[in-house]
PDB file of N, CA and C in Angstrom:
ATOM      1  N   UNK A   1     -38.035  16.510 -11.983  1.00  0.00           N
ATOM      2  CA  UNK A   1     -37.251  15.883 -13.022  1.00  0.00           C
ATOM      3  C   UNK A   1     -36.234  16.836 -13.619  1.00  0.00           C
ATOM      4  N   UNK A   2     -36.542  18.110 -13.718  1.00  0.00           N
ATOM      5  CA  UNK A   2     -35.621  19.063 -14.311  1.00  0.00           C
ATOM      6  C   UNK A   2     -34.331  19.190 -13.529  1.00  0.00           C
ATOM      7  N   UNK A   3     -34.367  18.956 -12.210  1.00  0.00           N
ATOM      8  CA  UNK A   3     -33.165  19.067 -11.377  1.00  0.00           C
ATOM      9  C   UNK A   3     -32.194  17.920 -11.623  1.00  0.00           C
ATOM     10  N   UNK A   4     -32.674  16.803 -12.142  1.00  0.00           N
ATOM     11  CA  UNK A   4     -31.782  15.664 -12.345  1.00  0.00           C
ATOM     12  C   UNK A   4     -30.891  15.837 -13.577  1.00  0.00           C
ATOM     13  N   UNK A   5     -31.276  16.646 -14.518  1.00  0.00           N
ATOM     14  CA  UNK A   5     -30.460  16.845 -15.715  1.00  0.00           C
ATOM     15  C   UNK A   5     -29.098  17.478 -15.393  1.00  0.00           C
ATOM     16  N   UNK A   6     -29.037  18.565 -14.609  1.00  0.00           N
ATOM     17  CA  UNK A   6     -27.719  19.108 -14.273  1.00  0.00           C
ATOM     18  C   UNK A   6     -26.867  18.100 -13.504  1.00  0.00           C
ATOM     19  N   UNK A   7     -27.504  17.297 -12.667  1.00  0.00           N
ATOM     20  CA  UNK A   7     -26.775  16.284 -11.923  1.00  0.00           C
ATOM     21  C   UNK A   7     -26.131  15.286 -12.880  1.00  0.00           C
ATOM     22  N   UNK A   8     -26.896  14.853 -13.894  1.00  0.00           N
ATOM     23  CA  UNK A   8     -26.344  13.940 -14.897  1.00  0.00           C
ATOM     24  C   UNK A   8     -25.171  14.576 -15.634  1.00  0.00           C
ATOM     25  N   UNK A   9     -25.291  15.852 -15.939  1.00  0.00           N
ATOM     26  CA  UNK A   9     -24.206  16.550 -16.636  1.00  0.00           C
ATOM     27  C   UNK A   9     -22.932  16.578 -15.802  1.00  0.00           C
ATOM     28  N   UNK A  10     -23.051  16.842 -14.521  1.00  0.00           N
ATOM     29  CA  UNK A  10     -21.892  16.845 -13.618  1.00  0.00           C
ATOM     30  C   UNK A  10     -21.297  15.448 -13.541  1.00  0.00           C
ATOM     31  N   UNK A  11     -22.151  14.450 -13.462  1.00  0.00           N
ATOM     32  CA  UNK A  11     -21.702  13.065 -13.406  1.00  0.00           C
ATOM     33  C   UNK A  11     -20.918  12.705 -14.664  1.00  0.00           C
ATOM     34  N   UNK A  12     -21.415  13.079 -15.816  1.00  0.00           N
ATOM     35  CA  UNK A  12     -20.743  12.786 -17.081  1.00  0.00           C
ATOM     36  C   UNK A  12     -19.405  13.507 -17.159  1.00  0.00           C
ATOM     37  N   UNK A  13     -19.351  14.746 -16.716  1.00  0.00           N
ATOM     38  CA  UNK A  13     -18.094  15.500 -16.710  1.00  0.00           C
ATOM     39  C   UNK A  13     -17.083  14.817 -15.797  1.00  0.00           C
ATOM     40  N   UNK A  14     -17.517  14.329 -14.648  1.00  0.00           N
ATOM     41  CA  UNK A  14     -16.612  13.632 -13.732  1.00  0.00           C
ATOM     42  C   UNK A  14     -16.093  12.346 -14.356  1.00  0.00           C
ATOM     43  N   UNK A  15     -16.956  11.596 -15.014  1.00  0.00           N
ATOM     44  CA  UNK A  15     -16.549  10.357 -15.681  1.00  0.00           C
ATOM     45  C   UNK A  15     -15.517  10.667 -16.766  1.00  0.00           C
ATOM     46  N   UNK A  16     -15.764  11.698 -17.555  1.00  0.00           N
ATOM     47  CA  UNK A  16     -14.810  12.085 -18.608  1.00  0.00           C
ATOM     48  C   UNK A  16     -13.473  12.473 -17.980  1.00  0.00           C
ATOM     49  N   UNK A  17     -13.519  13.205 -16.872  1.00  0.00           N
ATOM     50  CA  UNK A  17     -12.290  13.581 -16.177  1.00  0.00           C
ATOM     51  C   UNK A  17     -11.514  12.369 -15.694  1.00  0.00           C
ATOM     52  N   UNK A  18     -12.212  11.386 -15.157  1.00  0.00           N
ATOM     53  CA  UNK A  18     -11.562  10.154 -14.696  1.00  0.00           C
ATOM     54  C   UNK A  18     -10.936   9.412 -15.870  1.00  0.00           C
ATOM     55  N   UNK A  19     -11.644   9.338 -16.986  1.00  0.00           N
ATOM     56  CA  UNK A  19     -11.103   8.672 -18.170  1.00  0.00           C
ATOM     57  C   UNK A  19      -9.853   9.377 -18.689  1.00  0.00           C
ATOM     58  N   UNK A  20      -9.876  10.697 -18.708  1.00  0.00           N
ATOM     59  CA  UNK A  20      -8.707  11.452 -19.168  1.00  0.00           C
ATOM     60  C   UNK A  20      -7.522  11.202 -18.243  1.00  0.00           C
ATOM     61  N   UNK A  21      -7.761  11.223 -16.926  1.00  0.00           N
ATOM     62  CA  UNK A  21      -6.677  10.956 -15.970  1.00  0.00           C
ATOM     63  C   UNK A  21      -6.123   9.550 -16.165  1.00  0.00           C
ATOM     64  N   UNK A  22      -6.997   8.587 -16.421  1.00  0.00           N
ATOM     65  CA  UNK A  22      -6.546   7.213 -16.651  1.00  0.00           C
ATOM     66  C   UNK A  22      -5.683   7.122 -17.904  1.00  0.00           C
ATOM     67  N   UNK A  23      -6.095   7.796 -18.956  1.00  0.00           N
ATOM     68  CA  UNK A  23      -5.314   7.787 -20.194  1.00  0.00           C
ATOM     69  C   UNK A  23      -3.960   8.450 -20.001  1.00  0.00           C
ATOM     70  N   UNK A  24      -3.926   9.538 -19.252  1.00  0.00           N
ATOM     71  CA  UNK A  24      -2.652  10.201 -18.964  1.00  0.00           C
ATOM     72  C   UNK A  24      -1.742   9.297 -18.146  1.00  0.00           C
ATOM     73  N   UNK A  25      -2.307   8.577 -17.197  1.00  0.00           N
ATOM     74  CA  UNK A  25      -1.504   7.652 -16.393  1.00  0.00           C
ATOM     75  C   UNK A  25      -0.931   6.550 -17.268  1.00  0.00           C
ATOM     76  N   UNK A  26      -1.728   6.035 -18.195  1.00  0.00           N
ATOM     77  CA  UNK A  26      -1.223   5.012 -19.109  1.00  0.00           C
ATOM     78  C   UNK A  26      -0.143   5.570 -20.021  1.00  0.00           C
ATOM     79  N   UNK A  27      -0.292   6.807 -20.449  1.00  0.00           N
ATOM     80  CA  UNK A  27       0.702   7.428 -21.327  1.00  0.00           C
ATOM     81  C   UNK A  27       2.021   7.620 -20.596  1.00  0.00           C
ATOM     82  N   UNK A  28       1.975   7.809 -19.273  1.00  0.00           N
ATOM     83  CA  UNK A  28       3.212   8.025 -18.527  1.00  0.00           C
ATOM     84  C   UNK A  28       3.894   6.715 -18.155  1.00  0.00           C
ATOM     85  N   UNK A  29       3.255   5.579 -18.427  1.00  0.00           N
ATOM     86  CA  UNK A  29       3.842   4.271 -18.168  1.00  0.00           C
ATOM     87  C   UNK A  29       5.045   4.110 -19.084  1.00  0.00           C
ATOM     88  N   UNK A  30       6.232   3.948 -18.504  1.00  0.00           N
ATOM     89  CA  UNK A  30       7.421   3.860 -19.340  1.00  0.00           C
ATOM     90  C   UNK A  30       7.974   2.442 -19.396  1.00  0.00           C
ATOM     91  N   UNK A  31       8.944   2.228 -20.248  1.00  0.00           N
ATOM     92  CA  UNK A  31       9.511   0.900 -20.464  1.00  0.00           C
ATOM     93  C   UNK A  31      10.175   0.352 -19.214  1.00  0.00           C
ATOM     94  N   UNK A  32      10.691   1.207 -18.346  1.00  0.00           N
ATOM     95  CA  UNK A  32      11.351   0.732 -17.133  1.00  0.00           C
ATOM     96  C   UNK A  32      10.390  -0.057 -16.264  1.00  0.00           C
ATOM     97  N   UNK A  33       9.121   0.310 -16.250  1.00  0.00           N
ATOM     98  CA  UNK A  33       8.161  -0.410 -15.443  1.00  0.00           C
ATOM     99  C   UNK A  33       7.843  -1.776 -16.046  1.00  0.00           C
ATOM    100  N   UNK A  34       8.058  -1.950 -17.314  1.00  0.00           N
ATOM    101  CA  UNK A  34       7.800  -3.224 -17.958  1.00  0.00           C
ATOM    102  C   UNK A  34       9.021  -4.128 -17.936  1.00  0.00           C
ATOM    103  N   UNK A  35      10.135  -3.623 -17.473  1.00  0.00           N
ATOM    104  CA  UNK A  35      11.407  -4.336 -17.533  1.00  0.00           C
ATOM    105  C   UNK A  35      11.504  -5.632 -16.748  1.00  0.00           C
ATOM    106  N   UNK A  36      10.659  -5.908 -15.731  1.00  0.00           N
ATOM    107  CA  UNK A  36      10.834  -7.179 -15.045  1.00  0.00           C
ATOM    108  C   UNK A  36      10.841  -8.402 -15.961  1.00  0.00           C
ATOM    109  N   UNK A  37      10.358  -8.301 -17.170  1.00  0.00           N
ATOM    110  CA  UNK A  37      10.455  -9.412 -18.123  1.00  0.00           C
ATOM    111  C   UNK A  37      11.913  -9.723 -18.427  1.00  0.00           C
ATOM    112  N   UNK A  38      12.832  -8.786 -18.156  1.00  0.00           N
ATOM    113  CA  UNK A  38      14.247  -9.009 -18.424  1.00  0.00           C
ATOM    114  C   UNK A  38      14.950  -9.735 -17.279  1.00  0.00           C
ATOM    115  N   UNK A  39      14.221 -10.059 -16.212  1.00  0.00           N
ATOM    116  CA  UNK A  39      14.801 -10.822 -15.110  1.00  0.00           C
ATOM    117  C   UNK A  39      15.036 -12.247 -15.594  1.00  0.00           C
ATOM    118  N   UNK A  40      16.290 -12.708 -15.528  1.00  0.00           N
ATOM    119  CA  UNK A  40      16.640 -14.020 -16.060  1.00  0.00           C
ATOM    120  C   UNK A  40      16.907 -15.059 -14.977  1.00  0.00           C
ATOM    121  N   UNK A  41      17.103 -14.617 -13.758  1.00  0.00           N
ATOM    122  CA  UNK A  41      17.391 -15.535 -12.654  1.00  0.00           C
ATOM    123  C   UNK A  41      16.108 -15.776 -11.855  1.00  0.00           C
ATOM    124  N   UNK A  42      15.760 -17.032 -11.677  1.00  0.00           N
ATOM    125  CA  UNK A  42      14.498 -17.370 -11.010  1.00  0.00           C
ATOM    126  C   UNK A  42      14.430 -16.789  -9.595  1.00  0.00           C
ATOM    127  N   UNK A  43      15.550 -16.770  -8.888  1.00  0.00           N
ATOM    128  CA  UNK A  43      15.566 -16.225  -7.532  1.00  0.00           C
ATOM    129  C   UNK A  43      15.164 -14.746  -7.534  1.00  0.00           C
ATOM    130  N   UNK A  44      15.652 -13.979  -8.507  1.00  0.00           N
ATOM    131  CA  UNK A  44      15.280 -12.563  -8.611  1.00  0.00           C
ATOM    132  C   UNK A  44      13.820 -12.415  -9.010  1.00  0.00           C
ATOM    133  N   UNK A  45      13.350 -13.261  -9.924  1.00  0.00           N
ATOM    134  CA  UNK A  45      11.947 -13.201 -10.340  1.00  0.00           C
ATOM    135  C   UNK A  45      11.024 -13.501  -9.158  1.00  0.00           C
ATOM    136  N   UNK A  46      11.374 -14.524  -8.378  1.00  0.00           N
ATOM    137  CA  UNK A  46      10.571 -14.876  -7.201  1.00  0.00           C
ATOM    138  C   UNK A  46      10.573 -13.735  -6.177  1.00  0.00           C
ATOM    139  N   UNK A  47      11.736 -13.112  -6.008  1.00  0.00           N
ATOM    140  CA  UNK A  47      11.851 -11.996  -5.070  1.00  0.00           C
ATOM    141  C   UNK A  47      10.989 -10.822  -5.527  1.00  0.00           C
ATOM    142  N   UNK A  48      11.034 -10.525  -6.837  1.00  0.00           N
ATOM    143  CA  UNK A  48      10.229  -9.433  -7.386  1.00  0.00           C
ATOM    144  C   UNK A  48       8.739  -9.726  -7.220  1.00  0.00           C
ATOM    145  N   UNK A  49       8.319 -10.928  -7.607  1.00  0.00           N
ATOM    146  CA  UNK A  49       6.897 -11.292  -7.579  1.00  0.00           C
ATOM    147  C   UNK A  49       6.355 -11.464  -6.164  1.00  0.00           C
ATOM    148  N   UNK A  50       7.207 -11.836  -5.248  1.00  0.00           N
ATOM    149  CA  UNK A  50       6.761 -12.091  -3.888  1.00  0.00           C
ATOM    150  C   UNK A  50       6.980 -10.926  -2.943  1.00  0.00           C
ATOM    151  N   UNK A  51       8.139 -10.930  -2.327  1.00  0.00           N
ATOM    152  CA  UNK A  51       8.432  -9.961  -1.270  1.00  0.00           C
ATOM    153  C   UNK A  51       8.390  -8.514  -1.752  1.00  0.00           C
ATOM    154  N   UNK A  52       8.970  -8.229  -2.922  1.00  0.00           N
ATOM    155  CA  UNK A  52       9.027  -6.844  -3.403  1.00  0.00           C
ATOM    156  C   UNK A  52       7.634  -6.303  -3.723  1.00  0.00           C
ATOM    157  N   UNK A  53       6.833  -7.069  -4.454  1.00  0.00           N
ATOM    158  CA  UNK A  53       5.499  -6.575  -4.833  1.00  0.00           C
ATOM    159  C   UNK A  53       4.642  -6.252  -3.626  1.00  0.00           C
ATOM    160  N   UNK A  54       4.801  -7.014  -2.557  1.00  0.00           N
ATOM    161  CA  UNK A  54       4.008  -6.788  -1.362  1.00  0.00           C
ATOM    162  C   UNK A  54       4.585  -5.749  -0.411  1.00  0.00           C
ATOM    163  N   UNK A  55       5.760  -5.243  -0.718  1.00  0.00           N
ATOM    164  CA  UNK A  55       6.438  -4.300   0.175  1.00  0.00           C
ATOM    165  C   UNK A  55       5.785  -2.922   0.133  1.00  0.00           C
ATOM    166  N   UNK A  56       5.938  -2.206   1.226  1.00  0.00           N
ATOM    167  CA  UNK A  56       5.334  -0.868   1.286  1.00  0.00           C
ATOM    168  C   UNK A  56       6.185   0.137   0.501  1.00  0.00           C
ATOM    169  N   UNK A  57       5.532   1.187   0.070  1.00  0.00           N
ATOM    170  CA  UNK A  57       6.181   2.255  -0.695  1.00  0.00           C
ATOM    171  C   UNK A  57       6.747   3.298   0.243  1.00  0.00           C
ATOM    172  N   UNK A  58       7.714   4.053  -0.208  1.00  0.00           N
ATOM    173  CA  UNK A  58       8.394   4.017  -1.509  1.00  0.00           C
ATOM    174  C   UNK A  58       9.315   2.802  -1.609  1.00  0.00           C
ATOM    175  N   UNK A  59       9.439   2.313  -2.836  1.00  0.00           N
ATOM    176  CA  UNK A  59      10.264   1.140  -3.068  1.00  0.00           C
ATOM    177  C   UNK A  59      10.907   1.207  -4.442  1.00  0.00           C
ATOM    178  N   UNK A  60      11.996   0.438  -4.597  1.00  0.00           N
ATOM    179  CA  UNK A  60      12.715   0.396  -5.869  1.00  0.00           C
ATOM    180  C   UNK A  60      13.316  -0.990  -6.046  1.00  0.00           C
ATOM    181  N   UNK A  61      13.413  -1.418  -7.302  1.00  0.00           N
ATOM    182  CA  UNK A  61      13.989  -2.717  -7.644  1.00  0.00           C
ATOM    183  C   UNK A  61      15.040  -2.491  -8.723  1.00  0.00           C
ATOM    184  N   UNK A  62      16.252  -3.004  -8.498  1.00  0.00           N
ATOM    185  CA  UNK A  62      17.351  -2.840  -9.452  1.00  0.00           C
ATOM    186  C   UNK A  62      17.768  -4.204  -9.989  1.00  0.00           C
ATOM    187  N   UNK A  63      18.242  -4.214 -11.224  1.00  0.00           N
ATOM    188  CA  UNK A  63      18.634  -5.445 -11.895  1.00  0.00           C
ATOM    189  C   UNK A  63      19.946  -5.231 -12.629  1.00  0.00           C
ATOM    190  N   UNK A  64      20.801  -6.262 -12.601  1.00  0.00           N
ATOM    191  CA  UNK A  64      22.073  -6.176 -13.321  1.00  0.00           C
ATOM    192  C   UNK A  64      21.841  -6.275 -14.822  1.00  0.00           C
ATOM    193  N   UNK A  65      22.843  -5.861 -15.589  1.00  0.00           N
ATOM    194  CA  UNK A  65      22.728  -5.827 -17.054  1.00  0.00           C
ATOM    195  C   UNK A  65      22.413  -7.201 -17.643  1.00  0.00           C
ATOM    196  N   UNK A  66      22.936  -8.263 -17.020  1.00  0.00           N
ATOM    197  CA  UNK A  66      22.669  -9.604 -17.551  1.00  0.00           C
ATOM    198  C   UNK A  66      21.376 -10.220 -17.009  1.00  0.00           C
ATOM    199  N   UNK A  67      20.682  -9.504 -16.123  1.00  0.00           N
ATOM    200  CA  UNK A  67      19.415  -9.981 -15.582  1.00  0.00           C
ATOM    201  C   UNK A  67      19.549 -11.060 -14.517  1.00  0.00           C
ATOM    202  N   UNK A  68      20.766 -11.301 -14.041  1.00  0.00           N
ATOM    203  CA  UNK A  68      21.004 -12.393 -13.096  1.00  0.00           C
ATOM    204  C   UNK A  68      21.143 -11.949 -11.630  1.00  0.00           C
ATOM    205  N   UNK A  69      21.384 -10.681 -11.399  1.00  0.00           N
ATOM    206  CA  UNK A  69      21.562 -10.163 -10.035  1.00  0.00           C
ATOM    207  C   UNK A  69      20.562  -9.039  -9.802  1.00  0.00           C
ATOM    208  N   UNK A  70      20.090  -8.924  -8.570  1.00  0.00           N
ATOM    209  CA  UNK A  70      19.078  -7.918  -8.283  1.00  0.00           C
ATOM    210  C   UNK A  70      19.231  -7.377  -6.869  1.00  0.00           C
ATOM    211  N   UNK A  71      18.560  -6.293  -6.631  1.00  0.00           N
ATOM    212  CA  UNK A  71      18.522  -5.692  -5.305  1.00  0.00           C
ATOM    213  C   UNK A  71      17.259  -4.862  -5.192  1.00  0.00           C
ATOM    214  N   UNK A  72      16.745  -4.752  -3.981  1.00  0.00           N
ATOM    215  CA  UNK A  72      15.528  -3.980  -3.770  1.00  0.00           C
ATOM    216  C   UNK A  72      15.602  -3.273  -2.427  1.00  0.00           C
ATOM    217  N   UNK A  73      14.825  -2.231  -2.308  1.00  0.00           N
ATOM    218  CA  UNK A  73      14.722  -1.497  -1.047  1.00  0.00           C
ATOM    219  C   UNK A  73      13.333  -0.920  -0.950  1.00  0.00           C
ATOM    220  N   UNK A  74      12.801  -0.854   0.257  1.00  0.00           N
ATOM    221  CA  UNK A  74      11.471  -0.287   0.461  1.00  0.00           C
ATOM    222  C   UNK A  74      11.354   0.279   1.865  1.00  0.00           C
ATOM    223  N   UNK A  75      10.323   1.095   2.021  1.00  0.00           N
ATOM    224  CA  UNK A  75      10.037   1.658   3.335  1.00  0.00           C
ATOM    225  C   UNK A  75      10.924   2.811   3.756  1.00  0.00           C
ATOM    226  N   UNK A  76      11.730   3.334   2.853  1.00  0.00           N
ATOM    227  CA  UNK A  76      12.585   4.487   3.172  1.00  0.00           C
ATOM    228  C   UNK A  76      11.754   5.772   3.109  1.00  0.00           C
ATOM    229  N   UNK A  77      12.377   6.874   3.443  1.00  0.00           N
ATOM    230  CA  UNK A  77      11.659   8.145   3.486  1.00  0.00           C
ATOM    231  C   UNK A  77      11.289   8.685   2.113  1.00  0.00           C
ATOM    232  N   UNK A  78      12.001   8.260   1.071  1.00  0.00           N
ATOM    233  CA  UNK A  78      11.731   8.789  -0.268  1.00  0.00           C
ATOM    234  C   UNK A  78      12.046   7.741  -1.327  1.00  0.00           C
ATOM    235  N   UNK A  79      11.537   7.996  -2.526  1.00  0.00           N
ATOM    236  CA  UNK A  79      11.849   7.132  -3.663  1.00  0.00           C
ATOM    237  C   UNK A  79      13.343   7.174  -3.964  1.00  0.00           C
ATOM    238  N   UNK A  80      13.939   8.356  -3.808  1.00  0.00           N
ATOM    239  CA  UNK A  80      15.361   8.514  -4.117  1.00  0.00           C
ATOM    240  C   UNK A  80      16.225   7.638  -3.210  1.00  0.00           C
ATOM    241  N   UNK A  81      15.884   7.588  -1.918  1.00  0.00           N
ATOM    242  CA  UNK A  81      16.657   6.764  -0.989  1.00  0.00           C
ATOM    243  C   UNK A  81      16.453   5.289  -1.311  1.00  0.00           C
ATOM    244  N   UNK A  82      15.222   4.890  -1.595  1.00  0.00           N
ATOM    245  CA  UNK A  82      14.948   3.499  -1.972  1.00  0.00           C
ATOM    246  C   UNK A  82      15.707   3.124  -3.237  1.00  0.00           C
ATOM    247  N   UNK A  83      15.741   4.036  -4.203  1.00  0.00           N
ATOM    248  CA  UNK A  83      16.456   3.796  -5.459  1.00  0.00           C
ATOM    249  C   UNK A  83      17.948   3.610  -5.198  1.00  0.00           C
ATOM    250  N   UNK A  84      18.520   4.489  -4.390  1.00  0.00           N
ATOM    251  CA  UNK A  84      19.953   4.423  -4.071  1.00  0.00           C
ATOM    252  C   UNK A  84      20.294   3.105  -3.372  1.00  0.00           C
ATOM    253  N   UNK A  85      19.449   2.693  -2.431  1.00  0.00           N
ATOM    254  CA  UNK A  85      19.692   1.452  -1.694  1.00  0.00           C
ATOM    255  C   UNK A  85      19.529   0.220  -2.581  1.00  0.00           C
ATOM    256  N   UNK A  86      18.540   0.210  -3.439  1.00  0.00           N
ATOM    257  CA  UNK A  86      18.355  -0.917  -4.357  1.00  0.00           C
ATOM    258  C   UNK A  86      19.566  -1.063  -5.274  1.00  0.00           C
ATOM    259  N   UNK A  87      20.067   0.061  -5.774  1.00  0.00           N
ATOM    260  CA  UNK A  87      21.273   0.026  -6.615  1.00  0.00           C
ATOM    261  C   UNK A  87      22.483  -0.473  -5.832  1.00  0.00           C
ATOM    262  N   UNK A  88      22.583  -0.059  -4.582  1.00  0.00           N
ATOM    263  CA  UNK A  88      23.715  -0.489  -3.742  1.00  0.00           C
ATOM    264  C   UNK A  88      23.671  -2.005  -3.542  1.00  0.00           C
ATOM    265  N   UNK A  89      22.498  -2.541  -3.217  1.00  0.00           N
ATOM    266  CA  UNK A  89      22.371  -3.988  -3.022  1.00  0.00           C
ATOM    267  C   UNK A  89      22.676  -4.746  -4.302  1.00  0.00           C
ATOM    268  N   UNK A  90      22.115  -4.305  -5.401  1.00  0.00           N
ATOM    269  CA  UNK A  90      22.330  -4.970  -6.687  1.00  0.00           C
ATOM    270  C   UNK A  90      23.803  -4.918  -7.090  1.00  0.00           C
ATOM    271  N   UNK A  91      24.418  -3.760  -6.955  1.00  0.00           N
ATOM    272  CA  UNK A  91      25.830  -3.595  -7.313  1.00  0.00           C
ATOM    273  C   UNK A  91      26.717  -4.501  -6.469  1.00  0.00           C
ATOM    274  N   UNK A  92      26.396  -4.618  -5.195  1.00  0.00           N
ATOM    275  CA  UNK A  92      27.151  -5.499  -4.311  1.00  0.00           C
ATOM    276  C   UNK A  92      27.079  -6.947  -4.795  1.00  0.00           C
ATOM    277  N   UNK A  93      25.901  -7.398  -5.169  1.00  0.00           N
ATOM    278  CA  UNK A  93      25.729  -8.760  -5.689  1.00  0.00           C
ATOM    279  C   UNK A  93      26.442  -8.940  -7.031  1.00  0.00           C
ATOM    280  N   UNK A  94      26.344  -7.952  -7.895  1.00  0.00           N
ATOM    281  CA  UNK A  94      26.982  -8.037  -9.217  1.00  0.00           C
ATOM    282  C   UNK A  94      28.510  -8.053  -9.087  1.00  0.00           C
ATOM    283  N   UNK A  95      29.047  -7.324  -8.116  1.00  0.00           N
ATOM    284  CA  UNK A  95      30.502  -7.341  -7.912  1.00  0.00           C
ATOM    285  C   UNK A  95      30.971  -8.699  -7.413  1.00  0.00           C
ATOM    286  N   UNK A  96      30.199  -9.332  -6.550  1.00  0.00           N
ATOM    287  CA  UNK A  96      30.567 -10.644  -6.008  1.00  0.00           C
ATOM    288  C   UNK A  96      30.472 -11.747  -7.051  1.00  0.00           C
ATOM    289  N   UNK A  97      29.428 -11.697  -7.875  1.00  0.00           N
ATOM    290  CA  UNK A  97      29.112 -12.826  -8.751  1.00  0.00           C
ATOM    291  C   UNK A  97      29.139 -12.492 -10.245  1.00  0.00           C
ATOM    292  N   UNK A  98      29.439 -11.257 -10.597  1.00  0.00           N
ATOM    293  CA  UNK A  98      29.391 -10.841 -12.001  1.00  0.00           C
ATOM    294  C   UNK A  98      27.980 -10.447 -12.384  1.00  0.00           C
ATOM    295  N   UNK A  99      27.854  -9.841 -13.533  1.00  0.00           N
ATOM    296  CA  UNK A  99      26.527  -9.481 -13.994  1.00  0.00           C
ATOM    297  C   UNK A  99      26.431  -8.121 -14.633  1.00  0.00           C
ATOM    298  N   UNK A 100      27.479  -7.314 -14.521  1.00  0.00           N
ATOM    299  CA  UNK A 100      27.465  -6.007 -15.155  1.00  0.00           C
ATOM    300  C   UNK A 100      26.817  -4.943 -14.303  1.00  0.00           C
ATOM    301  N   UNK A 101      26.688  -3.780 -14.871  1.00  0.00           N
ATOM    302  CA  UNK A 101      26.151  -2.615 -14.177  1.00  0.00           C
ATOM    303  C   UNK A 101      24.665  -2.791 -13.863  1.00  0.00           C
ATOM    304  N   UNK A 102      24.270  -2.322 -12.702  1.00  0.00           N
ATOM    305  CA  UNK A 102      22.865  -2.403 -12.302  1.00  0.00           C
ATOM    306  C   UNK A 102      22.114  -1.126 -12.662  1.00  0.00           C
ATOM    307  N   UNK A 103      20.822  -1.287 -12.898  1.00  0.00           N
ATOM    308  CA  UNK A 103      19.966  -0.125 -13.101  1.00  0.00           C
ATOM    309  C   UNK A 103      18.619  -0.406 -12.440  1.00  0.00           C
ATOM    310  N   UNK A 104      17.965   0.661 -12.030  1.00  0.00           N
ATOM    311  CA  UNK A 104      16.654   0.548 -11.404  1.00  0.00           C
ATOM    312  C   UNK A 104      15.630   0.275 -12.497  1.00  0.00           C
ATOM    313  N   UNK A 105      14.830  -0.769 -12.313  1.00  0.00           N
ATOM    314  CA  UNK A 105      13.830  -1.119 -13.321  1.00  0.00           C
ATOM    315  C   UNK A 105      12.404  -0.873 -12.822  1.00  0.00           C
ATOM    316  N   UNK A 106      12.256  -0.608 -11.532  1.00  0.00           N
ATOM    317  CA  UNK A 106      10.921  -0.316 -10.998  1.00  0.00           C
ATOM    318  C   UNK A 106      11.052   0.603  -9.809  1.00  0.00           C
ATOM    319  N   UNK A 107      10.283   1.685  -9.819  1.00  0.00           N
ATOM    320  CA  UNK A 107      10.232   2.638  -8.701  1.00  0.00           C
ATOM    321  C   UNK A 107       8.765   2.928  -8.441  1.00  0.00           C
ATOM    322  N   UNK A 108       8.382   2.827  -7.185  1.00  0.00           N
ATOM    323  CA  UNK A 108       6.992   3.133  -6.821  1.00  0.00           C
ATOM    324  C   UNK A 108       6.982   3.922  -5.535  1.00  0.00           C
TER     325      UNK A 108
END
């Protein structure tokens, strides 16, 4: 029985470590990740909720200032490339149809 006490102590330390890591991850959650609520066009919302969410990482989703135009990219070699491509797609749509400057609202 005496050998089980140190085991419990290690287990508790690991649990505390996991909780601390979880809290740090929540603290690093920024407003950009919550921004999909600003999507105003149903087609962009459907794209975000469907194809984009299921896409492999790295991936990025960009949205125009008015929330009506969007662009996404995934499966590139880095987050930076995915971000650049998502902005390019969104900007192209915003130039054709209006909507203002695009910004990346989700990067994974």
